[in-house]
């Protein structure tokens, strides 16, 4: 769980995007897109579109699962904190 230094666990549950910082965020997307463009390969644009679409979908699903697990732990108390961490 992300510690926002306040006692509202729901804020932490929706802040999971911070966990992806540097892995798949706007800066990382720009870096990878530039590298693919710089390669000069003719299928670069298609590769980039496929990669971005796939990783955006994956991270979206991961964020949703993380939020569900976080809320099950800290909001609904359906599982222990040990299960979440």
Protein backbone atom coordinates (compact mmCIF):
# COMPACT_ATOMS: atom_id res chain seq x y z
CA UNK A 1 0.00 0.00 0.00
CA UNK A 2 1.24 3.48 -0.76
CA UNK A 3 1.63 5.55 2.36
CA UNK A 4 0.18 9.02 1.87
CA UNK A 5 0.79 9.84 5.53
CA UNK A 6 -2.93 10.29 6.07
CA UNK A 7 -5.23 7.67 7.49
CA UNK A 8 -7.53 7.30 4.49
CA UNK A 9 -6.77 3.90 2.93
CA UNK A 10 -9.04 4.59 -0.04
CA UNK A 11 -6.69 7.38 -1.15
CA UNK A 12 -3.83 4.91 -1.08
CA UNK A 13 -5.83 2.36 -3.04
CA UNK A 14 -6.38 4.77 -5.93
CA UNK A 15 -2.78 6.05 -5.91
CA UNK A 16 -1.26 2.83 -7.24
CA UNK A 17 -0.16 4.54 -10.46
CA UNK A 18 2.79 5.81 -8.43
CA UNK A 19 4.00 2.22 -8.25
CA UNK A 20 4.38 2.19 -12.03
CA UNK A 21 6.50 5.34 -12.15
CA UNK A 22 9.54 4.68 -14.28
CA UNK A 23 8.22 1.35 -15.48
CA UNK A 24 5.29 2.45 -17.65
CA UNK A 25 4.50 6.13 -17.42
CA UNK A 26 4.51 9.03 -19.88
CA UNK A 27 8.27 9.55 -19.63
CA UNK A 28 8.98 5.86 -20.22
CA UNK A 29 6.55 5.77 -23.15
CA UNK A 30 8.30 8.71 -24.78
CA UNK A 31 11.70 7.10 -24.25
CA UNK A 32 10.66 3.79 -25.80
CA UNK A 33 8.77 5.45 -28.65
CA UNK A 34 11.83 7.57 -29.48
CA UNK A 35 14.08 4.49 -29.43
CA UNK A 36 11.80 2.62 -31.82
CA UNK A 37 11.62 5.63 -34.15
CA UNK A 38 15.40 6.07 -34.02
CA UNK A 39 15.90 2.45 -35.05
CA UNK A 40 14.62 3.34 -38.50
CA UNK A 41 12.94 0.00 -39.00
CA UNK A 42 10.05 0.18 -41.43
CA UNK A 43 7.67 -1.62 -39.08
CA UNK A 44 8.54 0.70 -36.19
CA UNK A 45 5.24 2.61 -36.14
CA UNK A 46 3.21 -0.62 -36.08
CA UNK A 47 5.49 -2.05 -33.40
CA UNK A 48 5.06 1.05 -31.25
CA UNK A 49 1.26 1.06 -31.60
CA UNK A 50 1.04 -2.62 -30.70
CA UNK A 51 3.43 -2.26 -27.76
CA UNK A 52 1.72 0.83 -26.36
CA UNK A 53 -1.75 -0.70 -26.72
CA UNK A 54 -0.68 -3.95 -25.07
CA UNK A 55 1.17 -2.34 -22.16
CA UNK A 56 -1.55 0.26 -21.58
CA UNK A 57 -4.12 -2.54 -21.36
CA UNK A 58 -1.89 -4.63 -19.09
CA UNK A 59 -1.19 -1.76 -16.71
CA UNK A 60 -4.86 -0.79 -16.69
CA UNK A 61 -5.80 -4.32 -15.68
CA UNK A 62 -3.02 -4.42 -13.09
CA UNK A 63 -4.17 -1.13 -11.57
CA UNK A 64 -7.76 -2.40 -11.36
CA UNK A 65 -6.65 -5.64 -9.69
CA UNK A 66 -4.40 -3.75 -7.30
CA UNK A 67 -7.22 -1.41 -6.34
CA UNK A 68 -9.62 -4.33 -5.80
CA UNK A 69 -7.11 -6.14 -3.60
CA UNK A 70 -6.28 -2.96 -1.69
CA UNK A 71 -9.94 -2.19 -1.06
CA UNK A 72 -10.64 -5.80 -0.06
CA UNK A 73 -7.89 -5.43 2.52
CA UNK A 74 -8.17 -1.90 3.86
CA UNK A 75 -11.76 -0.88 3.13
CA UNK A 76 -13.89 -4.04 3.25
CA UNK A 77 -11.54 -6.05 5.54
CA UNK A 78 -12.12 -9.20 3.50
CA UNK A 79 -8.49 -10.30 3.62
CA UNK A 80 -5.55 -9.70 5.89
CA UNK A 81 -2.86 -7.13 5.24
CA UNK A 82 -0.46 -10.04 5.00
CA UNK A 83 -2.32 -11.26 1.89
CA UNK A 84 -2.12 -7.83 0.29
CA UNK A 85 1.56 -7.20 0.87
